[in-house]
PDB file of N, CA and C in Angstrom:
ATOM      1  N   MET A   1       0.795  -1.234   0.095  1.00  0.00           N
ATOM      2  CA  MET A   1      -0.047  -0.019   0.148  1.00  0.00           C
ATOM      3  C   MET A   1       0.989   1.288  -0.017  1.00  0.00           C
ATOM      4  N   THR A   2       0.378   2.329  -0.838  1.00  0.00           N
ATOM      5  CA  THR A   2       1.248   3.448  -0.857  1.00  0.00           C
ATOM      6  C   THR A   2       0.876   4.427   0.038  1.00  0.00           C
ATOM      7  N   ALA A   3       1.757   5.256   0.571  1.00  0.00           N
ATOM      8  CA  ALA A   3       1.385   6.292   1.691  1.00  0.00           C
ATOM      9  C   ALA A   3       0.435   7.443   0.856  1.00  0.00           C
ATOM     10  N   PRO A   4      -0.239   8.215   1.273  1.00  0.00           N
ATOM     11  CA  PRO A   4      -0.956   9.158   1.001  1.00  0.00           C
ATOM     12  C   PRO A   4       0.176  10.374   0.478  1.00  0.00           C
ATOM     13  N   PRO A   5      -0.257  11.238  -0.216  1.00  0.00           N
ATOM     14  CA  PRO A   5       0.769  12.460  -0.640  1.00  0.00           C
ATOM     15  C   PRO A   5       1.094  13.180   0.745  1.00  0.00           C
ATOM     16  N   MET A   6       1.924  13.977   0.691  1.00  0.00           N
ATOM     17  CA  MET A   6       2.260  14.706   1.773  1.00  0.00           C
ATOM     18  C   MET A   6       1.149  15.632   1.991  1.00  0.00           C
ATOM     19  N   GLY A   7       0.622  16.015   3.083  1.00  0.00           N
ATOM     20  CA  GLY A   7      -0.456  16.907   3.475  1.00  0.00           C
ATOM     21  C   GLY A   7      -1.841  16.431   3.428  1.00  0.00           C
ATOM     22  N   ALA A   8      -1.969  15.174   2.842  1.00  0.00           N
ATOM     23  CA  ALA A   8      -3.269  14.894   2.644  1.00  0.00           C
ATOM     24  C   ALA A   8      -3.271  13.641   3.642  1.00  0.00           C
ATOM     25  N   GLN A   9      -4.505  13.419   4.150  1.00  0.00           N
ATOM     26  CA  GLN A   9      -5.189  12.605   5.271  1.00  0.00           C
ATOM     27  C   GLN A   9      -5.372  11.178   4.525  1.00  0.00           C
ATOM     28  N   ALA A  10      -5.042  10.139   5.352  1.00  0.00           N
ATOM     29  CA  ALA A  10      -5.352   8.758   4.706  1.00  0.00           C
ATOM     30  C   ALA A  10      -6.885   8.562   5.003  1.00  0.00           C
ATOM     31  N   ILE A  11      -7.556   7.987   4.211  1.00  0.00           N
ATOM     32  CA  ILE A  11      -9.008   7.704   4.198  1.00  0.00           C
ATOM     33  C   ILE A  11      -9.235   6.201   4.867  1.00  0.00           C
ATOM     34  N   SER A  12      -9.930   6.547   6.102  1.00  0.00           N
ATOM     35  CA  SER A  12     -10.468   5.498   6.854  1.00  0.00           C
ATOM     36  C   SER A  12     -11.337   4.390   6.131  1.00  0.00           C
ATOM     37  N   ALA A  13     -11.466   3.209   6.582  1.00  0.00           N
ATOM     38  CA  ALA A  13     -12.389   2.371   5.958  1.00  0.00           C
ATOM     39  C   ALA A  13     -13.642   2.757   6.058  1.00  0.00           C
ATOM     40  N   GLN A  14     -14.164   3.629   7.192  1.00  0.00           N
ATOM     41  CA  GLN A  14     -15.333   4.301   7.417  1.00  0.00           C
ATOM     42  C   GLN A  14     -15.942   5.227   6.515  1.00  0.00           C
ATOM     43  N   ASP A  15     -14.754   5.945   5.958  1.00  0.00           N
ATOM     44  CA  ASP A  15     -15.169   7.117   4.982  1.00  0.00           C
ATOM     45  C   ASP A  15     -14.989   6.884   3.622  1.00  0.00           C
ATOM     46  N   LYS A  16     -14.316   5.549   3.464  1.00  0.00           N
ATOM     47  CA  LYS A  16     -14.028   5.010   1.958  1.00  0.00           C
ATOM     48  C   LYS A  16     -15.525   5.162   1.222  1.00  0.00           C
ATOM     49  N   PRO A  17     -15.548   5.852  -0.016  1.00  0.00           N
ATOM     50  CA  PRO A  17     -16.785   5.740  -0.835  1.00  0.00           C
ATOM     51  C   PRO A  17     -17.212   4.356  -1.280  1.00  0.00           C
ATOM     52  N   LEU A  18     -18.439   3.907  -1.208  1.00  0.00           N
ATOM     53  CA  LEU A  18     -18.858   2.650  -1.210  1.00  0.00           C
ATOM     54  C   LEU A  18     -19.046   2.438  -2.892  1.00  0.00           C
ATOM     55  N   SER A  19     -18.522   0.986  -3.188  1.00  0.00           N
ATOM     56  CA  SER A  19     -18.533   0.931  -4.864  1.00  0.00           C
ATOM     57  C   SER A  19     -20.225   0.755  -5.230  1.00  0.00           C
ATOM     58  N   VAL A  20     -20.148   0.476  -6.363  1.00  0.00           N
ATOM     59  CA  VAL A  20     -21.616   0.250  -7.253  1.00  0.00           C
ATOM     60  C   VAL A  20     -22.059  -1.085  -6.510  1.00  0.00           C
ATOM     61  N   LYS A  21     -21.052  -1.980  -6.374  1.00  0.00           N
ATOM     62  CA  LYS A  21     -21.527  -3.320  -5.941  1.00  0.00           C
ATOM     63  C   LYS A  21     -21.886  -3.276  -4.561  1.00  0.00           C
ATOM     64  N   ASP A  22     -20.902  -2.645  -3.528  1.00  0.00           N
ATOM     65  CA  ASP A  22     -21.719  -2.289  -2.343  1.00  0.00           C
ATOM     66  C   ASP A  22     -22.977  -1.802  -2.392  1.00  0.00           C
ATOM     67  N   TRP A  23     -23.385  -0.800  -3.127  1.00  0.00           N
ATOM     68  CA  TRP A  23     -24.753  -0.176  -3.051  1.00  0.00           C
ATOM     69  C   TRP A  23     -25.602  -1.096  -3.494  1.00  0.00           C
ATOM     70  N   LEU A  24     -25.392  -1.985  -4.621  1.00  0.00           N
ATOM     71  CA  LEU A  24     -26.260  -2.824  -4.949  1.00  0.00           C
ATOM     72  C   LEU A  24     -26.698  -3.959  -3.713  1.00  0.00           C
ATOM     73  N   ILE A  25     -25.650  -4.492  -3.008  1.00  0.00           N
ATOM     74  CA  ILE A  25     -25.821  -5.343  -1.999  1.00  0.00           C
ATOM     75  C   ILE A  25     -26.577  -4.827  -1.052  1.00  0.00           C
ATOM     76  N   THR A  26     -26.436  -3.460  -0.552  1.00  0.00           N
ATOM     77  CA  THR A  26     -27.101  -2.903   0.442  1.00  0.00           C
ATOM     78  C   THR A  26     -28.728  -2.783  -0.049  1.00  0.00           C
ATOM     79  N   LEU A  27     -28.945  -2.284  -1.286  1.00  0.00           N
ATOM     80  CA  LEU A  27     -30.326  -2.330  -1.567  1.00  0.00           C
ATOM     81  C   LEU A  27     -30.989  -3.630  -1.740  1.00  0.00           C
ATOM     82  N   VAL A  28     -30.384  -4.839  -2.140  1.00  0.00           N
ATOM     83  CA  VAL A  28     -30.940  -6.018  -2.192  1.00  0.00           C
ATOM     84  C   VAL A  28     -31.256  -6.453  -0.731  1.00  0.00           C
ATOM     85  N   VAL A  29     -30.392  -6.136   0.139  1.00  0.00           N
ATOM     86  CA  VAL A  29     -30.586  -6.739   1.352  1.00  0.00           C
ATOM     87  C   VAL A  29     -31.596  -6.179   2.180  1.00  0.00           C
ATOM     88  N   ILE A  30     -31.756  -4.686   2.031  1.00  0.00           N
ATOM     89  CA  ILE A  30     -32.849  -3.974   2.437  1.00  0.00           C
ATOM     90  C   ILE A  30     -34.168  -4.302   2.112  1.00  0.00           C
ATOM     91  N   MET A  31     -34.279  -4.724   0.625  1.00  0.00           N
ATOM     92  CA  MET A  31     -35.567  -5.491   0.251  1.00  0.00           C
ATOM     93  C   MET A  31     -35.993  -6.859   0.892  1.00  0.00           C
ATOM     94  N   ILE A  32     -35.216  -7.385   1.617  1.00  0.00           N
ATOM     95  CA  ILE A  32     -35.568  -8.717   2.287  1.00  0.00           C
ATOM     96  C   ILE A  32     -36.364  -8.197   3.425  1.00  0.00           C
ATOM     97  N   PRO A  33     -37.429  -8.897   3.534  1.00  0.00           N
ATOM     98  CA  PRO A  33     -38.393  -8.623   4.686  1.00  0.00           C
ATOM     99  C   PRO A  33     -37.798  -9.340   5.979  1.00  0.00           C
ATOM    100  N   PHE A  34     -37.855  -8.354   6.970  1.00  0.00           N
ATOM    101  CA  PHE A  34     -37.428  -8.532   8.465  1.00  0.00           C
ATOM    102  C   PHE A  34     -36.036  -8.726   8.286  1.00  0.00           C
ATOM    103  N   ILE A  35     -35.176  -9.217   7.636  1.00  0.00           N
ATOM    104  CA  ILE A  35     -33.668  -9.275   7.703  1.00  0.00           C
ATOM    105  C   ILE A  35     -33.402  -7.845   7.358  1.00  0.00           C
ATOM    106  N   GLY A  36     -33.822  -7.407   6.290  1.00  0.00           N
ATOM    107  CA  GLY A  36     -33.611  -6.084   5.693  1.00  0.00           C
ATOM    108  C   GLY A  36     -33.739  -4.924   6.844  1.00  0.00           C
ATOM    109  N   LEU A  37     -34.847  -5.186   7.560  1.00  0.00           N
ATOM    110  CA  LEU A  37     -35.130  -4.318   8.598  1.00  0.00           C
ATOM    111  C   LEU A  37     -33.963  -4.283   9.598  1.00  0.00           C
ATOM    112  N   ILE A  38     -33.503  -5.555   9.936  1.00  0.00           N
ATOM    113  CA  ILE A  38     -32.515  -5.446  11.072  1.00  0.00           C
ATOM    114  C   ILE A  38     -31.036  -4.998  10.473  1.00  0.00           C
ATOM    115  N   PHE A  39     -30.723  -5.201   9.168  1.00  0.00           N
ATOM    116  CA  PHE A  39     -29.524  -4.742   8.741  1.00  0.00           C
ATOM    117  C   PHE A  39     -29.813  -3.296   8.614  1.00  0.00           C
ATOM    118  N   LEU A  40     -30.775  -2.693   8.216  1.00  0.00           N
ATOM    119  CA  LEU A  40     -31.283  -1.257   8.096  1.00  0.00           C
ATOM    120  C   LEU A  40     -30.813  -0.604   9.495  1.00  0.00           C
ATOM    121  N   LEU A  41     -31.391  -1.017  10.488  1.00  0.00           N
ATOM    122  CA  LEU A  41     -31.259  -0.732  11.836  1.00  0.00           C
ATOM    123  C   LEU A  41     -29.618  -0.621  12.177  1.00  0.00           C
ATOM    124  N   TYR A  42     -29.198  -2.019  12.117  1.00  0.00           N
ATOM    125  CA  TYR A  42     -27.877  -2.012  12.442  1.00  0.00           C
ATOM    126  C   TYR A  42     -26.859  -1.139  11.680  1.00  0.00           C
ATOM    127  N   TRP A  43     -26.893  -0.850  10.363  1.00  0.00           N
ATOM    128  CA  TRP A  43     -26.082  -0.060   9.672  1.00  0.00           C
ATOM    129  C   TRP A  43     -26.491   1.558  10.016  1.00  0.00           C
ATOM    130  N   ALA A  44     -27.551   1.951  10.297  1.00  0.00           N
ATOM    131  CA  ALA A  44     -27.847   3.325  10.758  1.00  0.00           C
ATOM    132  C   ALA A  44     -27.281   3.548  12.274  1.00  0.00           C
ATOM    133  N   LEU A  45     -27.289   2.450  13.118  1.00  0.00           N
ATOM    134  CA  LEU A  45     -26.958   2.822  14.293  1.00  0.00           C
ATOM    135  C   LEU A  45     -25.551   2.576  14.606  1.00  0.00           C
ATOM    136  N   SER A  46     -24.825   1.889  14.058  1.00  0.00           N
ATOM    137  CA  SER A  46     -23.520   1.342  14.366  1.00  0.00           C
ATOM    138  C   SER A  46     -22.687   2.246  14.251  1.00  0.00           C
ATOM    139  N   ASN A  47     -21.508   2.515  14.993  1.00  0.00           N
ATOM    140  CA  ASN A  47     -20.424   3.357  14.769  1.00  0.00           C
ATOM    141  C   ASN A  47     -19.441   2.522  13.936  1.00  0.00           C
ATOM    142  N   SER A  48     -19.271   1.570  13.660  1.00  0.00           N
ATOM    143  CA  SER A  48     -18.353   0.661  12.861  1.00  0.00           C
ATOM    144  C   SER A  48     -18.742   0.690  11.345  1.00  0.00           C
ATOM    145  N   SER A  49     -20.119   1.091  11.060  1.00  0.00           N
ATOM    146  CA  SER A  49     -20.285   0.826   9.592  1.00  0.00           C
ATOM    147  C   SER A  49     -19.953   2.127   8.682  1.00  0.00           C
ATOM    148  N   ASN A  50     -19.829   2.041   7.650  1.00  0.00           N
ATOM    149  CA  ASN A  50     -19.360   3.053   6.640  1.00  0.00           C
ATOM    150  C   ASN A  50     -20.265   4.420   6.731  1.00  0.00           C
ATOM    151  N   THR A  51     -19.656   5.560   6.875  1.00  0.00           N
ATOM    152  CA  THR A  51     -20.400   6.751   6.938  1.00  0.00           C
ATOM    153  C   THR A  51     -21.434   6.828   6.004  1.00  0.00           C
ATOM    154  N   ASN A  52     -21.014   6.610   4.663  1.00  0.00           N
ATOM    155  CA  ASN A  52     -21.939   6.876   3.719  1.00  0.00           C
ATOM    156  C   ASN A  52     -23.194   5.867   3.899  1.00  0.00           C
ATOM    157  N   ARG A  53     -22.922   4.693   4.060  1.00  0.00           N
ATOM    158  CA  ARG A  53     -24.144   3.795   4.078  1.00  0.00           C
ATOM    159  C   ARG A  53     -24.887   3.860   5.572  1.00  0.00           C
ATOM    160  N   LYS A  54     -24.341   4.525   6.569  1.00  0.00           N
ATOM    161  CA  LYS A  54     -24.888   5.123   7.788  1.00  0.00           C
ATOM    162  C   LYS A  54     -25.910   5.999   7.576  1.00  0.00           C
ATOM    163  N   ASN A  55     -25.316   6.952   6.816  1.00  0.00           N
ATOM    164  CA  ASN A  55     -26.480   8.150   6.357  1.00  0.00           C
ATOM    165  C   ASN A  55     -27.323   7.794   5.339  1.00  0.00           C
ATOM    166  N   PHE A  56     -27.194   6.794   4.646  1.00  0.00           N
ATOM    167  CA  PHE A  56     -28.238   6.515   3.724  1.00  0.00           C
ATOM    168  C   PHE A  56     -29.257   5.656   4.565  1.00  0.00           C
ATOM    169  N   CYS A  57     -28.954   4.901   5.355  1.00  0.00           N
ATOM    170  CA  CYS A  57     -30.039   4.122   6.161  1.00  0.00           C
ATOM    171  C   CYS A  57     -30.662   4.958   7.066  1.00  0.00           C
ATOM    172  N   ALA A  58     -29.966   5.941   7.831  1.00  0.00           N
ATOM    173  CA  ALA A  58     -31.005   6.789   8.436  1.00  0.00           C
ATOM    174  C   ALA A  58     -31.755   7.784   7.881  1.00  0.00           C
ATOM    175  N   ALA A  59     -31.609   8.132   6.804  1.00  0.00           N
ATOM    176  CA  ALA A  59     -32.356   8.752   5.797  1.00  0.00           C
ATOM    177  C   ALA A  59     -33.633   8.133   5.341  1.00  0.00           C
ATOM    178  N   TYR A  60     -33.141   6.725   4.850  1.00  0.00           N
ATOM    179  CA  TYR A  60     -33.990   5.718   4.586  1.00  0.00           C
ATOM    180  C   TYR A  60     -35.328   5.476   5.538  1.00  0.00           C
ATOM    181  N   ILE A  61     -34.700   5.338   6.861  1.00  0.00           N
ATOM    182  CA  ILE A  61     -35.525   5.080   7.747  1.00  0.00           C
ATOM    183  C   ILE A  61     -36.734   6.427   8.095  1.00  0.00           C
ATOM    184  N   VAL A  62     -35.891   7.595   8.181  1.00  0.00           N
ATOM    185  CA  VAL A  62     -36.713   8.738   8.497  1.00  0.00           C
ATOM    186  C   VAL A  62     -37.983   8.860   7.172  1.00  0.00           C
ATOM    187  N   PHE A  63     -37.496   8.458   6.012  1.00  0.00           N
ATOM    188  CA  PHE A  63     -38.222   8.690   4.855  1.00  0.00           C
ATOM    189  C   PHE A  63     -39.358   7.742   4.959  1.00  0.00           C
ATOM    190  N   GLN A  64     -39.104   6.356   5.339  1.00  0.00           N
ATOM    191  CA  GLN A  64     -40.224   5.257   5.640  1.00  0.00           C
ATOM    192  C   GLN A  64     -41.043   5.609   6.617  1.00  0.00           C
ATOM    193  N   ILE A  65     -40.841   6.236   7.597  1.00  0.00           N
ATOM    194  CA  ILE A  65     -41.564   6.852   8.935  1.00  0.00           C
ATOM    195  C   ILE A  65     -42.427   7.737   8.441  1.00  0.00           C
ATOM    196  N   ALA A  66     -41.820   8.865   7.561  1.00  0.00           N
ATOM    197  CA  ALA A  66     -42.868   9.889   6.982  1.00  0.00           C
ATOM    198  C   ALA A  66     -43.690   9.281   6.172  1.00  0.00           C
ATOM    199  N   LEU A  67     -43.494   8.518   5.065  1.00  0.00           N
ATOM    200  CA  LEU A  67     -44.495   7.792   4.227  1.00  0.00           C
ATOM    201  C   LEU A  67     -45.598   7.099   5.167  1.00  0.00           C
ATOM    202  N   PHE A  68     -45.161   6.338   6.140  1.00  0.00           N
ATOM    203  CA  PHE A  68     -46.167   5.622   7.098  1.00  0.00           C
ATOM    204  C   PHE A  68     -47.107   6.575   7.819  1.00  0.00           C
ATOM    205  N   ILE A  69     -46.588   7.546   8.311  1.00  0.00           N
ATOM    206  CA  ILE A  69     -47.490   8.652   8.847  1.00  0.00           C
ATOM    207  C   ILE A  69     -48.335   9.201   7.756  1.00  0.00           C
ATOM    208  N   LEU A  70     -47.930   9.434   6.606  1.00  0.00           N
ATOM    209  CA  LEU A  70     -48.692  10.162   5.628  1.00  0.00           C
ATOM    210  C   LEU A  70     -49.785   9.025   5.387  1.00  0.00           C
ATOM    211  N   THR A  71     -49.525   7.857   5.072  1.00  0.00           N
ATOM    212  CA  THR A  71     -50.513   6.878   4.671  1.00  0.00           C
ATOM    213  C   THR A  71     -51.819   6.850   5.764  1.00  0.00           C
ATOM    214  N   LEU A  72     -50.946   6.794   6.962  1.00  0.00           N
ATOM    215  CA  LEU A  72     -52.094   6.776   8.171  1.00  0.00           C
ATOM    216  C   LEU A  72     -53.220   8.022   8.035  1.00  0.00           C
ATOM    217  N   LEU A  73     -52.487   8.872   7.943  1.00  0.00           N
ATOM    218  CA  LEU A  73     -53.299  10.232   7.725  1.00  0.00           C
ATOM    219  C   LEU A  73     -54.472  10.265   6.710  1.00  0.00           C
ATOM    220  N   ILE A  74     -53.964   9.663   5.415  1.00  0.00           N
ATOM    221  CA  ILE A  74     -54.864   9.359   4.326  1.00  0.00           C
ATOM    222  C   ILE A  74     -55.803   8.700   4.404  1.00  0.00           C
ATOM    223  N   VAL A  75     -55.479   7.443   5.342  1.00  0.00           N
ATOM    224  CA  VAL A  75     -56.585   6.625   5.647  1.00  0.00           C
ATOM    225  C   VAL A  75     -57.557   6.871   6.359  1.00  0.00           C
ATOM    226  N   PHE A  76     -56.905   7.715   7.682  1.00  0.00           N
ATOM    227  CA  PHE A  76     -57.998   8.459   8.480  1.00  0.00           C
ATOM    228  C   PHE A  76     -58.927   9.302   8.025  1.00  0.00           C
ATOM    229  N   VAL A  77     -58.630  10.053   6.989  1.00  0.00           N
ATOM    230  CA  VAL A  77     -59.338  10.889   6.343  1.00  0.00           C
ATOM    231  C   VAL A  77     -60.484  10.316   5.526  1.00  0.00           C
ATOM    232  N   LEU A  78     -59.929   9.588   4.617  1.00  0.00           N
ATOM    233  CA  LEU A  78     -60.894   8.615   3.841  1.00  0.00           C
ATOM    234  C   LEU A  78     -61.928   8.017   4.823  1.00  0.00           C
ATOM    235  N   MET A  79     -61.583   7.563   5.878  1.00  0.00           N
ATOM    236  CA  MET A  79     -62.435   6.781   6.801  1.00  0.00           C
ATOM    237  C   MET A  79     -63.550   7.664   7.248  1.00  0.00           C
ATOM    238  N   PHE A  80     -63.091   8.729   7.733  1.00  0.00           N
ATOM    239  CA  PHE A  80     -63.938   9.940   8.070  1.00  0.00           C
ATOM    240  C   PHE A  80     -64.721  10.402   7.132  1.00  0.00           C
ATOM    241  N   LEU A  81     -64.445  10.707   6.000  1.00  0.00           N
ATOM    242  CA  LEU A  81     -65.238  10.975   4.704  1.00  0.00           C
ATOM    243  C   LEU A  81     -66.227   9.941   4.554  1.00  0.00           C
ATOM    244  N   GLY A  82     -65.757   8.700   4.650  1.00  0.00           N
ATOM    245  CA  GLY A  82     -66.752   7.334   4.532  1.00  0.00           C
ATOM    246  C   GLY A  82     -67.579   7.498   5.387  1.00  0.00           C
ATOM    247  N   VAL A  83     -67.508   7.551   6.621  1.00  0.00           N
ATOM    248  CA  VAL A  83     -68.422   7.879   7.852  1.00  0.00           C
ATOM    249  C   VAL A  83     -69.521   9.096   7.792  1.00  0.00           C
ATOM    250  N   PHE A  84     -68.952  10.048   7.358  1.00  0.00           N
ATOM    251  CA  PHE A  84     -69.548  11.387   7.209  1.00  0.00           C
ATOM    252  C   PHE A  84     -70.521  11.257   5.953  1.00  0.00           C
ATOM    253  N   ALA A  85     -70.190  10.348   4.951  1.00  0.00           N
ATOM    254  CA  ALA A  85     -71.049  10.285   3.711  1.00  0.00           C
ATOM    255  C   ALA A  85     -72.120   9.420   4.012  1.00  0.00           C
ATOM    256  N   GLY A  86     -71.959   8.342   4.897  1.00  0.00           N
ATOM    257  CA  GLY A  86     -72.951   7.383   5.343  1.00  0.00           C
ATOM    258  C   GLY A  86     -73.747   8.104   6.266  1.00  0.00           C
ATOM    259  N   VAL A  87     -73.465   8.863   7.156  1.00  0.00           N
ATOM    260  CA  VAL A  87     -74.273   9.751   8.128  1.00  0.00           C
ATOM    261  C   VAL A  87     -75.130  10.789   7.245  1.00  0.00           C
ATOM    262  N   TRP A  88     -74.523  11.153   6.374  1.00  0.00           N
ATOM    263  CA  TRP A  88     -75.383  12.480   5.537  1.00  0.00           C
ATOM    264  C   TRP A  88     -76.219  11.671   4.572  1.00  0.00           C
ATOM    265  N   GLY A  89     -75.987  10.651   3.965  1.00  0.00           N
ATOM    266  CA  GLY A  89     -76.826   9.889   3.196  1.00  0.00           C
ATOM    267  C   GLY A  89     -78.052   9.413   3.909  1.00  0.00           C
ATOM    268  N   GLU A  90     -78.057   9.122   5.127  1.00  0.00           N
ATOM    269  CA  GLU A  90     -79.020   8.634   5.909  1.00  0.00           C
ATOM    270  C   GLU A  90     -80.113   9.896   6.422  1.00  0.00           C
ATOM    271  N   TYR A  91     -79.259  10.877   6.589  1.00  0.00           N
ATOM    272  CA  TYR A  91     -80.333  11.945   7.105  1.00  0.00           C
ATOM    273  C   TYR A  91     -80.690  13.041   6.152  1.00  0.00           C
ATOM    274  N   ALA A  92     -79.958  12.964   4.791  1.00  0.00           N
ATOM    275  CA  ALA A  92     -80.208  14.032   4.001  1.00  0.00           C
ATOM    276  C   ALA A  92     -81.776  14.166   3.581  1.00  0.00           C
ATOM    277  N   PRO A  93     -82.596  12.867   3.196  1.00  0.00           N
ATOM    278  CA  PRO A  93     -83.767  13.338   2.980  1.00  0.00           C
ATOM    279  C   PRO A  93     -84.787  13.913   4.000  1.00  0.00           C
ATOM    280  N   VAL A  94     -84.530  13.612   5.360  1.00  0.00           N
ATOM    281  CA  VAL A  94     -85.226  14.328   6.532  1.00  0.00           C
ATOM    282  C   VAL A  94     -84.675  15.789   6.179  1.00  0.00           C
ATOM    283  N   LEU A  95     -83.528  16.431   6.016  1.00  0.00           N
ATOM    284  CA  LEU A  95     -83.221  17.582   5.820  1.00  0.00           C
ATOM    285  C   LEU A  95     -83.802  18.327   4.610  1.00  0.00           C
ATOM    286  N   HIS A  96     -83.908  17.417   3.601  1.00  0.00           N
ATOM    287  CA  HIS A  96     -84.560  18.186   2.526  1.00  0.00           C
ATOM    288  C   HIS A  96     -86.063  18.164   2.401  1.00  0.00           C
ATOM    289  N   GLY A  97     -86.574  17.563   3.215  1.00  0.00           N
ATOM    290  CA  GLY A  97     -88.032  17.565   3.481  1.00  0.00           C
ATOM    291  C   GLY A  97     -88.756  16.570   2.325  1.00  0.00           C
ATOM    292  N   THR A  98     -88.085  15.736   1.909  1.00  0.00           N
ATOM    293  CA  THR A  98     -88.782  14.457   1.096  1.00  0.00           C
ATOM    294  C   THR A  98     -89.123  13.320   1.740  1.00  0.00           C
ATOM    295  N   LEU A  99     -88.603  13.168   3.128  1.00  0.00           N
ATOM    296  CA  LEU A  99     -89.067  12.000   3.913  1.00  0.00           C
ATOM    297  C   LEU A  99     -89.982  12.601   5.085  1.00  0.00           C
ATOM    298  N   LEU A 100     -91.292  12.198   4.830  1.00  0.00           N
ATOM    299  CA  LEU A 100     -92.321  12.753   6.004  1.00  0.00           C
ATOM    300  C   LEU A 100     -92.717  11.712   6.957  1.00  0.00           C
TER     301      LEU A 100
END
């Protein structure tokens, strides 16, 4: 192994950029149910993992949580609208005077 040029710092294994193969492995592992979640949490919370992978996994977790919250919000709004439409449909004839 050659020494870095004068004035340059040596790159540690944690700061070394990941290759395309490393990124593909990361993405494939993340897609595996349950095991992917375990690896995702390990890479995001571990101090020994690559900095690039650690930041990616942390951002991926935050993104997935935001999507989950948005999905719950949409489901609750649609449920509320469905209940409201059912109630309105039942009482609408009384309010319009068509049901005596």
